[in-house]
Amino acid sequence: MRENTSNYREIFLNDTPMMDARAPVEFHKGAFPGVLNLPLMNDIERQKVGTCYKQHGQQAAIELGHQLVAGQIKAERVEAWAAFARANPDGYLYCFRGGLRSQIVQQWLKREAGIDYPRVIGGYKAMRTFLLETTQQAVAQCDFVLIGGLTGTGKTEALSQLANGLDLEGHANHRGSSFGKRVTGQPAQIDFENRLAVDILKKRAAGIERFVLEDEGRTVGSCSQPLELYQGMQHYPMVWLEDSLEGRVERILRDYVIDLCAEFIAEHGDEHGFVRFAERLQQSLANILKRLGGERYQRLATIMQGALLEQQRSGAVELHRGWIEVLLKDYYDPMYAFQRESKDGRIEFSGEQPDVVAYLQERAKRQ
């Protein structure tokens, strides 16, 4: 039998397969990338055992657990664990602290299916602590630079071309703006933090000690940045990405109209997909009504409605440029101009995308 492990670094560097024996409610609050939830107890069973533990102690709780997970229920769960173990002979199992639940799964797998399968010592809690410390250590020990720029200049595009980029929006599954919500939902806060930490761990293992981030607010959609990283972003040096208004309008049109519509249609079909896309676009505009002011909002909403009707009728998207250009010039640009002024002392380079990418690639080579 392979040994139980506490080598969390190797687990995450190697994308080691793991099965999580915690209850679904625990799993959905936060887990690790690629892990499969195959619980010892479901949520109701766990709740009953927990109440029993509080009222009558550990032994009574263990006995109740064995009563609840017995017969056909037990057989089905053991078979699911055995199937995972056979499919992932190099994997591990874990529970919250690497204690009783994962030990029971180990014992039942051995006794019922003849499979010796190792567990992670310390369980979820120890691995989660390791990942939190991974991010904290990177902030303390590494060099960071931010990509700033007006809306639509392609900051995420530039970041994707850099081996040392950390894509916060990618990990949060959100584009970061009022219009940034994706078709698929965002991860839980803990999942977001774990994904980011694993990304940092792998990049540092590859020798990267200088990182590039997009200049973001405290939150990316519903996901909050790790506090230490956000605090660092208030003083990290910056590069400023520039592009023409026309180029920015085209990029917004592609990302937030053409591609987003295609994502909705792929997810929900032609008819329902377009309706949901139109609703999402209109809701995104409504979300900034107060900041736009009633008159400007109505004007943009009317242009958007006309553009959506034409897109639905003929597939043409040209009319969307109308509301995009006004929104950029009258709403986003003044906000970013103020930010640029406040951050001017930190900007060490500015230029269009090819020059910014080349500068950041060269910067990464410096020691």
Protein backbone atom coordinates (compact mmCIF):
# COMPACT_ATOMS: atom_id res chain seq x y z
CA MET A 1 0.00 0.00 0.00
CA ARG A 2 1.20 3.53 -0.77
CA GLU A 3 1.77 5.60 2.34
CA ASN A 4 -0.58 8.27 3.62
CA THR A 5 0.84 11.68 2.69
CA SER A 6 1.27 15.18 4.00
CA ASN A 7 3.23 16.40 0.96
CA TYR A 8 0.68 19.02 -0.06
CA ARG A 9 3.09 20.73 -2.44
CA GLU A 10 3.48 17.63 -4.59
CA ILE A 11 -0.26 16.96 -4.51
CA PHE A 12 -1.07 20.33 -6.09
CA LEU A 13 1.95 20.53 -8.40
CA ASN A 14 1.03 17.15 -9.92
CA ASP A 15 -2.76 17.66 -10.05
CA THR A 16 -3.02 14.49 -7.98
CA PRO A 17 -6.51 12.92 -8.17
CA MET A 18 -8.35 13.18 -4.86
CA MET A 19 -11.72 12.15 -3.53
CA ASP A 20 -13.29 14.30 -0.87
CA ALA A 21 -15.20 12.28 1.76
CA ARG A 22 -16.80 15.36 3.36
CA ALA A 23 -20.54 15.97 3.12
CA PRO A 24 -21.79 17.86 0.03
CA VAL A 25 -22.57 21.00 2.05
CA GLU A 26 -18.92 21.19 3.13
CA PHE A 27 -17.67 20.48 -0.39
CA HIS A 28 -19.77 23.24 -1.97
CA LYS A 29 -18.43 25.85 0.45
CA GLY A 30 -14.96 25.22 -0.92
CA ALA A 31 -12.84 22.50 -2.49
CA PHE A 32 -9.74 22.02 -4.62
CA PRO A 33 -9.48 22.02 -8.43
CA GLY A 34 -10.48 18.73 -10.05
CA VAL A 35 -11.48 16.97 -6.82
CA LEU A 36 -14.48 14.58 -6.76
CA ASN A 37 -16.91 14.61 -3.83
CA LEU A 38 -17.71 11.03 -2.75
CA PRO A 39 -19.01 11.54 0.79
CA LEU A 40 -19.07 9.07 3.64
CA MET A 41 -22.30 10.71 4.81
CA ASN A 42 -24.80 12.96 3.05
CA ASP A 43 -25.83 16.27 4.59
CA ILE A 44 -28.78 14.89 6.59
CA GLU A 45 -26.76 11.96 7.95
CA ARG A 46 -23.91 14.28 8.90
CA GLN A 47 -26.30 16.60 10.72
CA LYS A 48 -27.80 13.73 12.73
CA VAL A 49 -24.37 12.39 13.68
CA GLY A 50 -23.21 15.89 14.65
CA THR A 51 -26.21 16.39 16.93
CA CYS A 52 -25.64 12.98 18.49
CA TYR A 53 -21.96 13.82 19.09
CA LYS A 54 -22.89 17.03 20.94
CA GLN A 55 -25.51 15.32 23.07
CA HIS A 56 -24.03 11.87 23.72
CA GLY A 57 -20.35 11.95 22.77
CA GLN A 58 -18.10 10.40 20.14
CA GLN A 59 -18.85 6.72 20.63
CA ALA A 60 -22.60 7.19 20.33
CA ALA A 61 -22.06 9.34 17.21
CA ILE A 62 -19.86 6.65 15.61
CA GLU A 63 -22.49 3.98 16.32
CA LEU A 64 -25.24 6.14 14.81
CA GLY A 65 -23.10 6.75 11.74
CA HIS A 66 -22.70 3.02 11.21
CA GLN A 67 -26.47 2.56 11.56
CA LEU A 68 -27.23 5.33 9.04
CA VAL A 69 -24.66 4.19 6.48
CA ALA A 70 -25.38 0.47 6.26
CA GLY A 71 -26.76 -2.16 3.90
CA GLN A 72 -27.40 -1.01 0.34
CA ILE A 73 -26.40 2.60 1.09
CA LYS A 74 -23.01 1.46 2.37
CA ALA A 75 -22.53 -0.94 -0.56
CA GLU A 76 -23.21 1.81 -3.11
CA ARG A 77 -20.81 4.23 -1.46
CA VAL A 78 -18.04 1.65 -1.16
CA GLU A 79 -18.49 0.79 -4.84
CA ALA A 80 -18.21 4.48 -5.80
CA TRP A 81 -14.98 4.82 -3.77
CA ALA A 82 -13.63 1.58 -5.25
CA ALA A 83 -14.38 2.79 -8.80
CA PHE A 84 -12.50 6.02 -8.08
CA ALA A 85 -9.56 4.12 -6.56
CA ARG A 86 -9.33 1.78 -9.55
CA ALA A 87 -9.53 4.69 -12.02
CA ASN A 88 -6.99 6.76 -10.04
CA PRO A 89 -4.40 4.37 -8.57
CA ASP A 90 -2.06 7.32 -7.83
CA GLY A 91 -4.71 9.33 -5.94
CA TYR A 92 -5.65 9.99 -2.32
CA LEU A 93 -8.75 10.47 -0.20
CA TYR A 94 -9.35 13.03 2.51
CA CYS A 95 -11.96 14.39 4.92
CA PHE A 96 -11.98 17.64 6.88
CA ARG A 97 -9.06 17.03 9.24
CA GLY A 98 -7.77 13.72 7.86
CA GLY A 99 -9.31 11.94 10.84
CA LEU A 100 -12.21 9.64 11.50
CA ARG A 101 -14.18 9.89 8.27
CA SER A 102 -11.25 9.27 5.94
CA GLN A 103 -10.05 6.44 8.20
CA ILE A 104 -13.48 4.78 8.00
CA VAL A 105 -13.48 5.12 4.19
CA GLN A 106 -10.00 3.54 4.15
CA GLN A 107 -11.12 0.67 6.39
CA TRP A 108 -14.30 -0.06 4.42
CA LEU A 109 -12.44 0.06 1.10
CA LYS A 110 -9.95 -2.48 2.44
CA ARG A 111 -12.53 -4.75 4.05
CA GLU A 112 -15.31 -4.58 1.47
CA ALA A 113 -13.39 -4.11 -1.80
CA GLY A 114 -9.88 -5.35 -0.95
CA ILE A 115 -8.36 -1.96 -1.89
CA ASP A 116 -5.63 -0.23 0.12
CA TYR A 117 -6.01 3.48 -0.62
CA PRO A 118 -4.01 6.23 1.09
CA ARG A 119 -5.36 9.39 2.68
CA VAL A 120 -4.09 12.93 3.07
CA ILE A 121 -2.86 13.51 6.62
CA GLY A 122 -4.45 16.68 8.00
CA GLY A 123 -7.17 16.55 5.34
CA TYR A 124 -8.90 19.53 3.78
CA LYS A 125 -7.98 21.90 6.61
CA ALA A 126 -4.24 21.32 6.29
CA MET A 127 -4.29 21.62 2.48
CA ARG A 128 -6.36 24.80 2.66
CA THR A 129 -3.89 26.31 5.16
CA PHE A 130 -1.01 25.34 2.85
CA LEU A 131 -2.63 27.16 -0.10
CA LEU A 132 -3.42 30.29 1.94
CA GLU A 133 0.24 30.39 3.02
CA THR A 134 1.33 29.89 -0.60
CA THR A 135 -0.38 33.14 -1.63
CA GLN A 136 0.82 35.02 1.46
CA GLN A 137 4.44 33.93 0.88
CA ALA A 138 4.28 34.96 -2.79
CA VAL A 139 3.05 38.43 -1.87
CA ALA A 140 5.85 38.76 0.69
CA GLN A 141 8.64 37.32 -1.46
CA CYS A 142 7.86 38.03 -5.14
CA ASP A 143 7.80 41.04 -7.46
CA PHE A 144 4.47 42.22 -8.92
CA VAL A 145 3.52 44.68 -11.65
CA LEU A 146 0.01 45.70 -12.74
CA ILE A 147 -1.48 46.21 -16.20
CA GLY A 148 -3.78 49.24 -16.17
CA GLY A 149 -5.66 50.96 -18.95
CA LEU A 150 -9.03 52.24 -20.11
CA THR A 151 -11.94 49.82 -20.53
CA GLY A 152 -11.59 47.77 -23.69
CA THR A 153 -7.84 48.16 -24.21
CA GLY A 154 -7.38 44.37 -23.91
CA LYS A 155 -5.69 44.04 -20.53
CA THR A 156 -6.74 40.38 -20.20
CA GLU A 157 -5.56 39.73 -23.77
CA ALA A 158 -2.13 41.13 -22.92
CA LEU A 159 -1.99 39.12 -19.71
CA SER A 160 -2.76 35.89 -21.56
CA GLN A 161 0.41 36.34 -23.64
CA LEU A 162 2.65 36.37 -20.56
CA ALA A 163 4.03 33.22 -18.94
CA ASN A 164 4.12 35.07 -15.60
CA GLY A 165 0.55 36.42 -15.73
CA LEU A 166 -1.93 35.69 -12.94
CA ASP A 167 -5.43 35.86 -14.42
CA LEU A 168 -7.68 36.87 -11.53
CA GLU A 169 -10.67 37.25 -13.86
CA GLY A 170 -10.08 33.79 -15.29
CA HIS A 171 -9.96 32.21 -11.84
CA ALA A 172 -13.08 34.17 -10.83
CA ASN A 173 -14.90 33.37 -14.12
CA HIS A 174 -15.85 37.04 -14.45
CA ARG A 175 -14.61 39.87 -16.65
CA GLY A 176 -14.41 42.28 -13.76
CA SER A 177 -16.74 45.07 -14.93
CA SER A 178 -20.46 45.78 -14.49
CA PHE A 179 -20.94 43.83 -17.75
CA GLY A 180 -18.48 41.10 -16.78
CA LYS A 181 -20.78 38.28 -15.67
CA ARG A 182 -20.24 35.06 -17.64
CA VAL A 183 -22.87 32.52 -18.76
CA THR A 184 -21.61 29.99 -16.23
CA GLY A 185 -21.56 31.00 -12.58
CA GLN A 186 -18.63 32.09 -10.44
CA PRO A 187 -16.78 29.73 -8.12
CA ALA A 188 -17.22 29.85 -4.36
CA GLN A 189 -14.87 32.32 -2.66
CA ILE A 190 -12.70 29.52 -1.26
CA ASP A 191 -12.52 27.81 -4.68
CA PHE A 192 -11.35 31.09 -6.24
CA GLU A 193 -8.62 31.50 -3.62
CA ASN A 194 -7.53 27.87 -4.01
CA ARG A 195 -7.32 28.12 -7.83
CA LEU A 196 -5.21 31.26 -7.58
CA ALA A 197 -2.88 29.69 -4.99
CA VAL A 198 -2.34 26.55 -7.12
CA ASP A 199 -1.55 28.78 -10.11
CA ILE A 200 1.02 30.71 -8.03
CA LEU A 201 2.50 27.46 -6.68
CA LYS A 202 2.99 25.99 -10.16
CA LYS A 203 4.50 29.17 -11.57
CA ARG A 204 6.94 29.53 -8.68
CA ALA A 205 7.90 25.86 -9.06
CA ALA A 206 8.73 26.70 -12.70
CA GLY A 207 11.08 29.44 -11.49
CA ILE A 208 8.80 32.48 -11.87
CA GLU A 209 9.29 35.08 -9.15
CA ARG A 210 7.98 38.15 -11.03
CA PHE A 211 4.24 38.26 -11.63
CA VAL A 212 1.91 40.41 -13.74
CA LEU A 213 -1.65 41.16 -12.63
CA GLU A 214 -4.48 43.13 -14.16
CA ASP A 215 -5.30 46.19 -12.07
CA GLU A 216 -8.54 45.15 -10.33
CA GLY A 217 -10.83 46.39 -7.60
CA ARG A 218 -11.24 44.57 -4.29
CA THR A 219 -13.77 42.21 -5.87
CA VAL A 220 -13.94 40.44 -9.23
CA GLY A 221 -17.68 39.95 -9.52
CA SER A 222 -18.62 38.15 -6.30
CA CYS A 223 -15.07 36.91 -5.60
CA SER A 224 -12.89 38.97 -3.25
CA GLN A 225 -9.17 39.15 -3.85
CA PRO A 226 -6.94 37.86 -1.05
CA LEU A 227 -6.53 40.87 1.22
CA GLU A 228 -2.72 40.82 1.21
CA LEU A 229 -2.68 40.83 -2.60
CA TYR A 230 -5.19 43.67 -2.89
CA GLN A 231 -3.25 45.72 -0.34
CA GLY A 232 -0.10 45.16 -2.38
CA MET A 233 -1.87 46.34 -5.54
CA GLN A 234 -2.26 49.77 -3.99
CA HIS A 235 1.47 50.39 -4.43
CA TYR A 236 2.76 47.94 -7.08
CA PRO A 237 4.30 49.57 -10.19
CA MET A 238 2.13 49.70 -13.31
CA VAL A 239 2.24 49.62 -17.07
CA TRP A 240 -0.53 51.45 -18.90
CA LEU A 241 -2.15 49.84 -21.94
CA GLU A 242 -3.38 52.18 -24.68
CA ASP A 243 -5.62 51.74 -27.72
CA SER A 244 -7.80 53.90 -29.97
CA LEU A 245 -11.48 54.40 -29.19
CA GLU A 246 -12.33 52.45 -32.37
CA GLY A 247 -10.15 49.52 -31.31
CA ARG A 248 -11.72 49.50 -27.85
CA VAL A 249 -15.27 49.60 -29.24
CA GLU A 250 -14.47 46.63 -31.48
CA ARG A 251 -13.03 44.65 -28.57
CA ILE A 252 -16.07 45.34 -26.35
CA LEU A 253 -18.37 44.42 -29.24
CA ARG A 254 -16.57 41.11 -29.69
CA ASP A 255 -16.31 40.18 -25.99
CA TYR A 256 -19.60 41.43 -24.59
CA VAL A 257 -21.91 41.04 -27.61
CA ILE A 258 -20.67 38.53 -30.21
CA ASP A 259 -18.85 36.07 -27.92
CA LEU A 260 -21.26 36.39 -24.98
CA CYS A 261 -24.26 35.80 -27.26
CA ALA A 262 -22.53 32.72 -28.69
CA GLU A 263 -21.88 31.42 -25.15
CA PHE A 264 -25.55 31.82 -24.20
CA ILE A 265 -26.73 30.09 -27.38
CA ALA A 266 -24.27 27.22 -26.85
CA GLU A 267 -25.60 26.82 -23.31
CA HIS A 268 -29.34 27.33 -23.86
CA GLY A 269 -30.04 26.89 -27.60
CA ASP A 270 -30.81 29.49 -30.28
CA GLU A 271 -34.12 30.90 -29.05
CA HIS A 272 -33.72 30.76 -25.27
CA GLY A 273 -30.02 31.58 -25.52
CA PHE A 274 -30.59 34.85 -27.35
CA VAL A 275 -33.40 35.89 -24.98
CA ARG A 276 -31.18 35.25 -21.96
CA PHE A 277 -28.27 37.08 -23.59
CA ALA A 278 -30.50 40.12 -24.26
CA GLU A 279 -31.77 40.06 -20.68
CA ARG A 280 -28.23 39.85 -19.31
CA LEU A 281 -27.05 42.81 -21.43
CA GLN A 282 -30.02 44.95 -20.40
CA GLN A 283 -29.63 44.00 -16.74
CA SER A 284 -25.94 44.90 -16.84
CA LEU A 285 -26.86 48.38 -18.05
CA ALA A 286 -29.63 48.68 -15.43
CA ASN A 287 -27.09 47.81 -12.72
CA ILE A 288 -25.31 51.14 -13.28
CA LEU A 289 -28.48 53.24 -13.68
CA LYS A 290 -27.77 55.34 -10.58
CA ARG A 291 -24.25 56.15 -11.69
CA LEU A 292 -25.36 56.90 -15.25
CA GLY A 293 -28.31 59.08 -14.28
CA GLY A 294 -31.85 58.53 -15.54
CA GLU A 295 -31.65 60.51 -18.79
CA ARG A 296 -28.37 58.97 -19.99
CA TYR A 297 -29.54 55.50 -18.97
CA GLN A 298 -32.76 55.85 -21.00
CA ARG A 299 -30.82 57.01 -24.05
CA LEU A 300 -28.41 54.05 -23.87
CA ALA A 301 -31.20 51.58 -23.11
CA THR A 302 -33.09 52.71 -26.21
CA ILE A 303 -30.00 52.29 -28.43
CA MET A 304 -29.31 48.89 -26.89
CA GLN A 305 -32.91 47.73 -27.38
CA GLY A 306 -32.79 48.70 -31.06
CA ALA A 307 -29.45 46.94 -31.50
CA LEU A 308 -30.78 43.75 -29.89
CA LEU A 309 -33.90 43.75 -32.08
CA GLU A 310 -31.77 44.12 -35.21
CA GLN A 311 -29.35 41.43 -34.04
CA GLN A 312 -32.23 39.03 -33.41
CA ARG A 313 -33.82 39.86 -36.77
CA SER A 314 -30.79 39.73 -39.04
CA GLY A 315 -27.75 38.71 -36.96
CA ALA A 316 -26.14 42.12 -37.58
CA VAL A 317 -24.35 43.62 -34.57
CA GLU A 318 -23.26 47.03 -35.94
CA LEU A 319 -25.90 49.00 -34.01
CA HIS A 320 -24.35 47.89 -30.70
CA ARG A 321 -21.42 50.19 -31.40
CA GLY A 322 -23.73 53.12 -30.61
CA TRP A 323 -24.27 52.36 -26.92
CA ILE A 324 -20.76 50.96 -26.47
CA GLU A 325 -19.09 54.15 -27.69
CA VAL A 326 -21.26 56.44 -25.55
CA LEU A 327 -20.72 54.24 -22.48
CA LEU A 328 -16.96 54.30 -22.97
CA LYS A 329 -16.64 58.05 -23.61
CA ASP A 330 -19.19 59.33 -21.09
CA TYR A 331 -19.01 56.77 -18.29
CA TYR A 332 -15.92 54.57 -18.14
CA ASP A 333 -13.26 56.92 -19.54
CA PRO A 334 -13.80 59.74 -17.01
CA MET A 335 -13.53 57.21 -14.15
CA TYR A 336 -10.33 55.70 -15.55
CA ALA A 337 -8.86 59.13 -16.33
CA PHE A 338 -9.20 60.00 -12.64
CA GLN A 339 -7.60 56.68 -11.67
CA ARG A 340 -4.74 57.21 -14.10
CA GLU A 341 -4.04 60.60 -12.58
CA SER A 342 -3.98 59.15 -9.05
CA LYS A 343 -1.64 56.32 -10.14
CA ASP A 344 0.56 58.34 -12.47
CA GLY A 345 3.62 58.16 -10.23
CA ARG A 346 3.58 54.34 -10.37
CA ILE A 347 3.39 54.01 -14.17
CA GLU A 348 6.77 52.89 -15.52
CA PHE A 349 5.74 52.24 -19.13
CA SER A 350 2.79 52.95 -21.45
CA GLY A 351 2.00 51.90 -24.99
CA GLU A 352 -0.18 49.73 -27.21
CA GLN A 353 -0.54 46.00 -26.70
CA PRO A 354 2.52 44.66 -28.65
CA ASP A 355 4.84 47.16 -26.94
CA VAL A 356 3.39 46.55 -23.47
CA VAL A 357 3.68 42.76 -23.88
CA ALA A 358 7.26 43.07 -25.14
CA TYR A 359 8.16 45.38 -22.24
CA LEU A 360 6.67 43.01 -19.66
CA GLN A 361 8.39 39.98 -21.20
CA GLU A 362 11.71 41.80 -21.03
CA ARG A 363 10.99 43.01 -17.49
CA ALA A 364 10.39 39.41 -16.36
CA LYS A 365 13.98 38.51 -17.31
CA ARG A 366 15.49 41.06 -14.94
CA GLN A 367 16.86 39.80 -11.66
